[in-house]
Amino acid sequence: MNDYVTGNRVNAPAMALAMLSFLLAALTAWLSASDGFGLGYGLAAIFVLIGVVAPQSLLMANQWEKAIVLRFGKLQAIEGPGLFLVVPIVDRVAAWIDQRIQTTQFNAEQALSRDTVPVNIDAVVFWQVHDPKRAALEITDYRSAIERVAQTSLREMVGSSMLSVLLSDRKEGDERLREEIGRKTGEWGISVSSVEIRDIGVPPNLQDAMSRQAQAERERLARVLLAQAEQEVAQKFVEAAQTYASTPGALQLRAMNIIYETTKERGATILIPSAMVDAMNPGGVLGLAAAGQSTYAMEK
């Protein structure tokens, strides 16, 4: 039901009272006619008057509603929820305010971002009337005003933001819209609980370009990571070379370990330069190789 339904709404208790009054009036008139009781007609007229006035005087507001009552055009009271009385002709219910949480959908079609990219954005705002008096008296139609304010705020945010920021930081955009819309609607007695951007649409040709850009960016990162890995490996080799240069025994042990690992393979043939053999203490190396071969033979 529209919040701005003017006039008095007919409700079940008032209708029941009116029907009862008309019934009593008919019964009183019938008894007066049969018994010749003159005062009974006056009592029947009173019952008829109650039946006519009751639907316009006895009103009911639901649990979530507030009724703005004007007397001779001035604010008289804010009634509800429940039953309340108004004076016919003198009082008038100017508006019924729904205080439940409401939702309003809005969008920004073909809005240009800061980097001149046309985008279509759909969003929804959750709001609630916390001051019925200001919502009814300070603005004509706050529902339409909320929609227009939300749309204007969304366009302003899009125009001041880069497309990449809009796509990556939706939560920040939601918070900016909530603060901006809440600041403007707070003067009308309306509080904004949250704003959610549901969809951001970009042109198809721009989607293809963004896809290619993302692919190129991933390839660039892959190449950078590979180069960093090569650099780290080279650095480790440099450190190892420095260690072997400062400690010749470490190089000999490493060479002996390589020979030992090689001799474990079946049918392996090892060719060692004489200079290398001399440098690595041939007796120890050959003894280690022989030990490796004998161990392999025992395993067989």
Protein backbone atom coordinates (compact mmCIF):
# COMPACT_ATOMS: atom_id res chain seq x y z
CA MET A 1 0.00 0.00 0.00
CA ASN A 2 1.27 3.45 -0.87
CA ASP A 3 2.67 5.44 2.03
CA TYR A 4 0.86 8.54 0.80
CA VAL A 5 -2.72 7.24 0.75
CA THR A 6 -4.65 10.22 2.03
CA GLY A 7 -7.99 10.10 3.73
CA ASN A 8 -9.25 7.60 6.24
CA ARG A 9 -8.85 3.89 5.63
CA VAL A 10 -11.79 1.65 6.50
CA ASN A 11 -10.79 -1.12 8.89
CA ALA A 12 -12.47 -4.22 10.25
CA PRO A 13 -13.20 -2.95 13.81
CA ALA A 14 -14.80 0.24 12.47
CA MET A 15 -16.93 -1.69 10.00
CA ALA A 16 -18.04 -4.10 12.70
CA LEU A 17 -19.00 -1.18 14.96
CA ALA A 18 -20.91 0.49 12.10
CA MET A 19 -22.83 -2.67 11.28
CA LEU A 20 -23.68 -3.18 14.93
CA SER A 21 -24.87 0.42 15.20
CA PHE A 22 -27.10 0.09 12.14
CA LEU A 23 -28.52 -3.16 13.51
CA LEU A 24 -29.30 -1.54 16.85
CA ALA A 25 -30.85 1.43 15.07
CA ALA A 26 -33.12 -0.86 13.05
CA LEU A 27 -34.06 -2.86 16.11
CA THR A 28 -34.77 0.27 18.16
CA ALA A 29 -36.89 1.78 15.38
CA TRP A 30 -38.89 -1.45 15.04
CA LEU A 31 -39.52 -1.62 18.79
CA SER A 32 -40.53 2.02 18.86
CA ALA A 33 -42.97 1.52 16.01
CA SER A 34 -44.58 -1.50 17.66
CA ASP A 35 -44.75 -0.07 21.20
CA GLY A 36 -45.36 3.57 20.29
CA PHE A 37 -42.25 4.65 22.21
CA GLY A 38 -41.37 8.05 20.80
CA LEU A 39 -37.90 8.33 22.32
CA GLY A 40 -36.88 5.14 20.53
CA TYR A 41 -36.67 7.00 17.23
CA GLY A 42 -34.19 9.44 18.70
CA LEU A 43 -32.10 6.56 20.02
CA ALA A 44 -32.23 4.91 16.59
CA ALA A 45 -30.99 8.15 15.01
CA ILE A 46 -28.07 8.18 17.41
CA PHE A 47 -27.18 4.63 16.44
CA VAL A 48 -27.34 5.57 12.76
CA LEU A 49 -25.05 8.54 13.37
CA ILE A 50 -22.55 6.29 15.17
CA GLY A 51 -22.67 3.85 12.28
CA VAL A 52 -21.93 6.61 9.78
CA VAL A 53 -19.19 8.28 11.80
CA ALA A 54 -17.43 5.13 13.09
CA PRO A 55 -15.60 4.21 9.84
CA GLN A 56 -14.25 7.76 9.59
CA SER A 57 -13.37 8.16 13.25
CA LEU A 58 -12.01 4.81 14.35
CA LEU A 59 -8.84 4.02 12.43
CA MET A 60 -6.20 1.34 12.79
CA ALA A 61 -2.49 1.39 11.98
CA ASN A 62 -0.49 -1.81 11.56
CA GLN A 63 2.49 -2.63 13.72
CA TRP A 64 4.91 -1.19 11.14
CA GLU A 65 2.89 1.94 10.34
CA LYS A 66 2.59 5.50 11.59
CA ALA A 67 -0.32 7.79 10.74
CA ILE A 68 0.29 11.52 10.28
CA VAL A 69 -2.84 13.29 11.58
CA LEU A 70 -3.49 16.91 10.58
CA ARG A 71 -6.09 19.12 12.23
CA PHE A 72 -7.16 22.07 10.09
CA GLY A 73 -3.99 21.54 8.04
CA LYS A 74 -1.62 21.54 11.01
CA LEU A 75 0.16 18.58 12.53
CA GLN A 76 -1.96 17.20 15.35
CA ALA A 77 -0.38 13.85 16.19
CA ILE A 78 1.53 10.85 14.93
CA GLU A 79 -0.63 7.83 15.71
CA GLY A 80 -0.05 4.09 15.63
CA PRO A 81 0.34 1.28 15.76
CA GLY A 82 -3.11 0.06 16.82
CA LEU A 83 -6.53 1.75 17.03
CA PHE A 84 -6.89 5.51 17.34
CA LEU A 85 -9.63 8.12 17.00
CA VAL A 86 -9.84 11.17 14.77
CA VAL A 87 -12.50 13.84 14.53
CA PRO A 88 -14.30 13.69 11.16
CA ILE A 89 -14.03 16.76 8.94
CA VAL A 90 -11.71 18.41 11.48
CA ASP A 91 -8.92 15.82 11.37
CA ARG A 92 -7.35 14.20 8.36
CA VAL A 93 -4.75 11.47 7.99
CA ALA A 94 -2.28 12.99 5.55
CA ALA A 95 -0.03 9.95 5.15
CA TRP A 96 0.57 6.41 6.31
CA ILE A 97 4.30 5.84 6.80
CA ASP A 98 5.72 2.33 6.49
CA GLN A 99 8.68 1.98 8.86
CA ARG A 100 9.90 -1.39 7.65
CA ILE A 101 13.19 -1.75 5.77
CA GLN A 102 12.58 -0.93 2.12
CA THR A 103 14.61 -1.62 -1.03
CA THR A 104 15.02 0.57 -4.09
CA GLN A 105 16.75 -0.55 -7.26
CA PHE A 106 18.63 1.98 -9.35
CA ASN A 107 21.17 1.99 -12.17
CA ALA A 108 23.57 4.14 -14.12
CA GLU A 109 23.25 3.44 -17.83
CA GLN A 110 26.11 4.43 -20.12
CA ALA A 111 27.88 6.35 -17.38
CA LEU A 112 31.47 7.34 -18.20
CA SER A 113 34.17 6.37 -15.74
CA ARG A 114 37.17 8.55 -15.00
CA ASP A 115 39.11 6.88 -17.82
CA THR A 116 36.17 7.55 -20.23
CA VAL A 117 34.87 3.99 -20.36
CA PRO A 118 31.06 3.61 -20.70
CA VAL A 119 29.70 1.25 -18.04
CA ASN A 120 26.26 0.07 -16.94
CA ILE A 121 25.88 -0.45 -13.20
CA ASP A 122 22.92 -1.92 -11.33
CA ALA A 123 22.63 -1.48 -7.57
CA VAL A 124 20.10 -1.68 -4.73
CA VAL A 125 19.79 0.49 -1.62
CA PHE A 126 18.28 -0.64 1.69
CA TRP A 127 16.65 2.19 3.65
CA GLN A 128 14.21 2.80 6.50
CA VAL A 129 12.11 5.73 7.72
CA HIS A 130 13.23 6.58 11.26
CA ASP A 131 11.44 9.96 11.53
CA PRO A 132 7.86 9.76 10.12
CA LYS A 133 7.19 13.43 10.79
CA ARG A 134 10.04 14.69 8.60
CA ALA A 135 9.43 12.06 5.93
CA ALA A 136 5.79 13.15 5.59
CA LEU A 137 6.11 16.91 5.98
CA GLU A 138 9.48 17.88 4.49
CA ILE A 139 9.33 16.12 1.13
CA THR A 140 6.54 15.33 -1.29
CA ASP A 141 7.43 11.77 -2.31
CA TYR A 142 10.48 10.40 -0.57
CA ARG A 143 10.41 7.12 -2.51
CA SER A 144 11.00 8.86 -5.84
CA ALA A 145 13.51 11.19 -4.20
CA ILE A 146 15.54 8.26 -2.85
CA GLU A 147 15.69 6.68 -6.30
CA ARG A 148 16.86 9.91 -7.93
CA VAL A 149 19.40 10.66 -5.23
CA ALA A 150 20.79 7.12 -5.44
CA GLN A 151 21.10 7.29 -9.22
CA THR A 152 22.79 10.67 -9.11
CA SER A 153 25.24 9.53 -6.43
CA LEU A 154 26.07 6.41 -8.45
CA ARG A 155 26.81 8.47 -11.56
CA GLU A 156 29.02 10.81 -9.55
CA MET A 157 30.98 7.88 -8.12
CA VAL A 158 31.43 6.30 -11.55
CA GLY A 159 32.63 9.58 -13.04
CA SER A 160 35.28 10.00 -10.34
CA SER A 161 36.58 6.41 -10.35
CA MET A 162 38.73 4.36 -12.69
CA LEU A 163 37.13 1.29 -14.24
CA SER A 164 39.71 -1.00 -12.66
CA VAL A 165 38.86 0.40 -9.21
CA LEU A 166 35.14 -0.11 -9.79
CA LEU A 167 35.71 -3.72 -10.78
CA SER A 168 38.16 -4.63 -8.01
CA ASP A 169 36.89 -2.62 -5.01
CA ARG A 170 33.13 -3.14 -4.95
CA LYS A 171 32.99 -3.07 -1.16
CA GLU A 172 34.60 0.34 -1.10
CA GLY A 173 32.13 1.54 -3.73
CA ASP A 174 29.21 0.21 -1.68
CA GLU A 175 30.42 2.10 1.37
CA ARG A 176 30.93 5.34 -0.56
CA LEU A 177 27.42 5.15 -1.96
CA ARG A 178 25.94 4.37 1.44
CA GLU A 179 27.59 7.39 3.03
CA GLU A 180 26.66 9.74 0.18
CA ILE A 181 23.03 8.64 -0.11
CA GLY A 182 22.61 8.53 3.67
CA ARG A 183 23.95 12.07 4.00
CA LYS A 184 21.41 13.41 1.50
CA THR A 185 18.38 11.45 2.74
CA GLY A 186 19.10 11.97 6.44
CA GLU A 187 17.47 15.40 6.23
CA TRP A 188 14.19 13.67 5.28
CA GLY A 189 14.15 11.35 8.29
CA ILE A 190 15.40 8.38 6.28
CA SER A 191 18.43 6.25 7.19
CA VAL A 192 20.33 4.10 4.68
CA SER A 193 21.50 0.78 6.09
CA SER A 194 23.45 -0.55 3.09
CA VAL A 195 24.02 -0.26 -0.65
CA GLU A 196 25.01 -3.20 -2.84
CA ILE A 197 26.33 -3.01 -6.39
CA ARG A 198 24.89 -6.04 -8.15
CA ASP A 199 26.43 -5.87 -11.60
CA ILE A 200 28.94 -3.83 -13.59
CA GLY A 201 28.62 -4.16 -17.34
CA VAL A 202 31.25 -3.06 -19.87
CA PRO A 203 31.05 -3.12 -23.71
CA PRO A 204 31.91 -6.49 -25.37
CA ASN A 205 34.85 -5.08 -27.34
CA LEU A 206 36.31 -3.70 -24.13
CA GLN A 207 35.86 -7.08 -22.45
CA ASP A 208 38.01 -8.68 -25.18
CA ALA A 209 40.68 -6.03 -24.74
CA MET A 210 40.66 -6.52 -20.95
CA SER A 211 40.95 -10.28 -21.43
CA ARG A 212 44.00 -9.88 -23.69
CA GLN A 213 45.51 -7.43 -21.24
CA ALA A 214 45.02 -9.87 -18.37
CA GLN A 215 46.60 -12.69 -20.40
CA ALA A 216 49.59 -10.51 -21.29
CA GLU A 217 49.96 -9.52 -17.65
CA ARG A 218 50.00 -13.18 -16.58
CA GLU A 219 52.64 -14.00 -19.22
CA ARG A 220 54.73 -11.07 -18.04
CA LEU A 221 54.55 -12.28 -14.45
CA ALA A 222 55.48 -15.80 -15.54
CA ARG A 223 58.56 -14.51 -17.36
CA VAL A 224 59.55 -12.36 -14.40
CA LEU A 225 59.23 -15.33 -12.03
CA LEU A 226 61.34 -17.50 -14.36
CA ALA A 227 64.03 -14.81 -14.56
CA GLN A 228 64.03 -14.48 -10.78
CA ALA A 229 64.42 -18.25 -10.44
CA GLU A 230 67.36 -18.23 -12.88
CA GLN A 231 68.93 -15.39 -10.94
CA GLU A 232 68.57 -17.27 -7.65
CA VAL A 233 70.07 -20.43 -9.18
CA ALA A 234 73.00 -18.45 -10.59
CA GLN A 235 73.54 -16.84 -7.20
CA LYS A 236 73.65 -20.26 -5.55
CA PHE A 237 76.18 -21.42 -8.11
CA VAL A 238 78.34 -18.40 -7.39
CA GLU A 239 78.19 -19.13 -3.66
CA ALA A 240 79.05 -22.78 -4.27
CA ALA A 241 82.00 -21.81 -6.48
CA GLN A 242 83.28 -19.46 -3.80
CA THR A 243 83.01 -22.23 -1.21
CA TYR A 244 84.86 -24.73 -3.40
CA ALA A 245 87.54 -22.13 -4.20
CA SER A 246 88.17 -21.38 -0.54
CA THR A 247 87.95 -25.04 0.52
CA PRO A 248 89.59 -27.48 -1.98
CA GLY A 249 88.66 -30.43 0.19
CA ALA A 250 85.00 -29.69 -0.31
CA LEU A 251 85.44 -29.88 -4.08
CA GLN A 252 87.21 -33.24 -3.76
CA LEU A 253 84.43 -34.62 -1.59
CA ARG A 254 81.84 -33.43 -4.07
CA ALA A 255 83.69 -35.09 -6.97
CA MET A 256 84.03 -38.33 -5.02
CA ASN A 257 80.32 -38.26 -4.25
CA ILE A 258 79.47 -37.80 -7.92
CA ILE A 259 81.70 -40.78 -8.85
CA TYR A 260 80.13 -42.93 -6.18
CA GLU A 261 76.60 -42.11 -7.32
CA THR A 262 77.58 -42.90 -10.90
CA THR A 263 79.07 -46.31 -10.11
CA LYS A 264 75.76 -47.49 -8.64
CA GLU A 265 74.24 -47.54 -12.13
CA ARG A 266 74.58 -50.92 -13.95
CA GLY A 267 77.09 -50.92 -16.77
CA ALA A 268 78.32 -47.40 -16.02
CA THR A 269 81.67 -46.37 -17.52
CA ILE A 270 83.57 -43.52 -15.93
CA LEU A 271 86.19 -41.53 -17.82
CA ILE A 272 88.21 -39.27 -15.56
CA PRO A 273 90.87 -36.86 -16.91
CA SER A 274 94.32 -37.53 -15.45
CA ALA A 275 94.65 -33.98 -14.23
CA MET A 276 91.40 -34.33 -12.34
CA VAL A 277 92.51 -37.64 -10.86
CA ASP A 278 95.77 -36.11 -9.68
CA ALA A 279 93.93 -33.19 -8.17
CA MET A 280 91.52 -35.40 -6.26
CA ASN A 281 94.06 -37.77 -4.64
CA PRO A 282 93.87 -40.83 -6.92
CA GLY A 283 94.34 -43.35 -4.19
CA GLY A 284 91.38 -42.19 -2.26
CA VAL A 285 89.20 -41.78 -5.34
CA LEU A 286 90.01 -45.17 -6.85
CA GLY A 287 89.60 -46.83 -3.51
CA LEU A 288 86.18 -45.24 -3.17
CA ALA A 289 85.23 -46.36 -6.69
CA ALA A 290 86.41 -49.91 -5.96
CA ALA A 291 84.44 -49.91 -2.73
CA GLY A 292 81.39 -48.75 -4.63
CA GLN A 293 81.78 -51.53 -7.21
CA SER A 294 82.24 -54.20 -4.57
CA THR A 295 79.15 -52.93 -2.74
CA TYR A 296 77.18 -53.08 -5.97
CA ALA A 297 78.41 -56.64 -6.59
CA MET A 298 77.32 -57.68 -3.08
CA GLU A 299 73.88 -56.19 -3.67
CA LYS A 300 73.54 -58.24 -6.83
